[in-house]
Protein backbone atom coordinates (compact mmCIF):
# COMPACT_ATOMS: atom_id res chain seq x y z
CA MET A 1 55.35 -86.63 30.10
CA HIS A 2 58.46 -85.48 31.85
CA GLY A 3 58.98 -85.46 35.53
CA TYR A 4 58.97 -81.70 35.83
CA ALA A 5 55.66 -81.38 33.97
CA ASP A 6 53.57 -80.70 37.25
CA ASN A 7 55.96 -78.05 38.19
CA LYS A 8 56.72 -76.44 34.79
CA GLN A 9 55.56 -73.06 35.58
CA ASP A 10 57.47 -72.83 38.81
CA HIS A 11 60.63 -73.89 36.91
CA VAL A 12 60.31 -71.34 34.19
CA ARG A 13 59.73 -68.66 36.89
CA ARG A 14 62.94 -69.59 38.71
CA LEU A 15 64.77 -69.68 35.30
CA ARG A 16 63.63 -66.25 34.61
CA ARG A 17 64.74 -65.14 37.97
CA ILE A 18 68.17 -66.62 37.35
CA GLU A 19 68.15 -65.09 33.90
CA GLY A 20 67.67 -61.58 35.66
CA GLN A 21 70.61 -62.38 38.02
CA ILE A 22 72.86 -63.02 34.94
CA ARG A 23 71.56 -59.79 33.35
CA GLY A 24 72.34 -58.08 36.54
CA LEU A 25 75.94 -59.29 36.44
CA GLN A 26 76.28 -58.03 32.86
CA ARG A 27 75.05 -54.58 33.99
CA MET A 28 77.46 -54.66 36.92
CA VAL A 29 80.53 -55.14 34.60
CA GLU A 30 79.17 -52.61 32.13
CA GLU A 31 78.95 -50.19 35.06
CA ASP A 32 82.46 -50.95 36.38
CA LYS A 33 81.27 -52.40 39.59
CA TYR A 34 83.70 -53.64 42.38
CA CYS A 35 85.15 -56.96 41.50
CA ILE A 36 84.15 -58.61 44.89
CA ASP A 37 80.51 -57.48 44.57
CA ILE A 38 80.33 -59.18 41.18
CA LEU A 39 81.96 -62.36 42.39
CA THR A 40 79.22 -62.39 45.13
CA GLN A 41 76.52 -62.22 42.64
CA VAL A 42 78.44 -64.85 40.53
CA SER A 43 78.28 -67.21 43.59
CA ALA A 44 74.54 -66.35 44.13
CA SER A 45 73.79 -67.18 40.61
CA ASN A 46 75.58 -70.44 40.74
CA ARG A 47 73.72 -71.54 43.85
CA ALA A 48 70.48 -70.72 42.18
CA LEU A 49 71.29 -72.80 39.20
CA GLN A 50 72.48 -75.69 41.44
CA SER A 51 69.20 -75.54 43.28
CA PHE A 52 67.20 -75.57 40.16
CA ALA A 53 69.41 -78.44 39.00
CA LEU A 54 68.81 -80.48 42.14
CA SER A 55 65.03 -79.76 41.90
CA LEU A 56 64.96 -81.15 38.41
CA LEU A 57 67.17 -84.03 39.23
CA GLU A 58 64.82 -85.08 42.11
CA GLU A 59 61.82 -84.80 39.95
CA HIS A 60 63.55 -86.74 37.16
CA MET A 61 64.44 -89.62 39.76
CA ALA A 62 60.91 -89.63 41.37
CA HIS A 63 59.10 -89.96 37.95
CA CYS A 64 61.37 -91.12 35.08
CA VAL A 65 63.78 -93.32 36.99
CA ALA A 66 61.13 -94.74 39.31
CA GLU A 67 58.86 -95.64 36.38
CA ALA A 68 61.61 -97.37 34.53
CA THR A 69 62.62 -99.32 37.51
CA VAL A 70 59.07 -100.68 37.97
CA LYS A 71 59.37 -101.85 34.20
CA GLY A 72 62.79 -103.19 35.04
CA GLY A 73 65.22 -104.80 32.50
CA ALA A 74 67.43 -102.67 30.16
CA GLU A 75 65.28 -99.42 30.44
CA ALA A 76 65.71 -99.40 34.19
CA GLU A 77 69.48 -100.05 33.84
CA ALA A 78 69.64 -97.17 31.38
CA LYS A 79 67.75 -94.81 33.39
CA ILE A 80 69.80 -95.42 36.33
CA LYS A 81 72.94 -94.88 34.52
CA GLU A 82 71.59 -91.67 33.07
CA ALA A 83 70.72 -90.41 36.53
CA SER A 84 74.18 -91.46 37.79
CA ASP A 85 75.96 -89.59 34.84
CA ALA A 86 73.84 -86.47 35.57
CA ILE A 87 74.75 -86.39 39.16
CA ALA A 88 78.35 -86.87 38.34
CA ARG A 89 78.19 -83.88 36.05
CA LEU A 90 76.61 -81.87 38.74
CA VAL A 91 79.13 -82.87 41.38
CA ARG A 92 81.99 -81.90 38.96
CA SER A 93 80.60 -78.44 38.21
């Protein structure tokens, strides 16, 4: 079971809203909207994705990483490295 399982439907709803934002961006370009207005919506979409990613990461750490650290050993080290790498990717993006 994944760490996000308890909130799966909430995550799907959030992703659908983000999908709607992206489609809205596409419409804005198709309708030749003002550049700054489009950029404002791009920024909002990025924030929504970042918020989703942080929520998912928090759940991963609370469930998957915490469970692995209880077991200890190589699995714990691997999960911590995996989480650290994911955080690094998020920070760079």
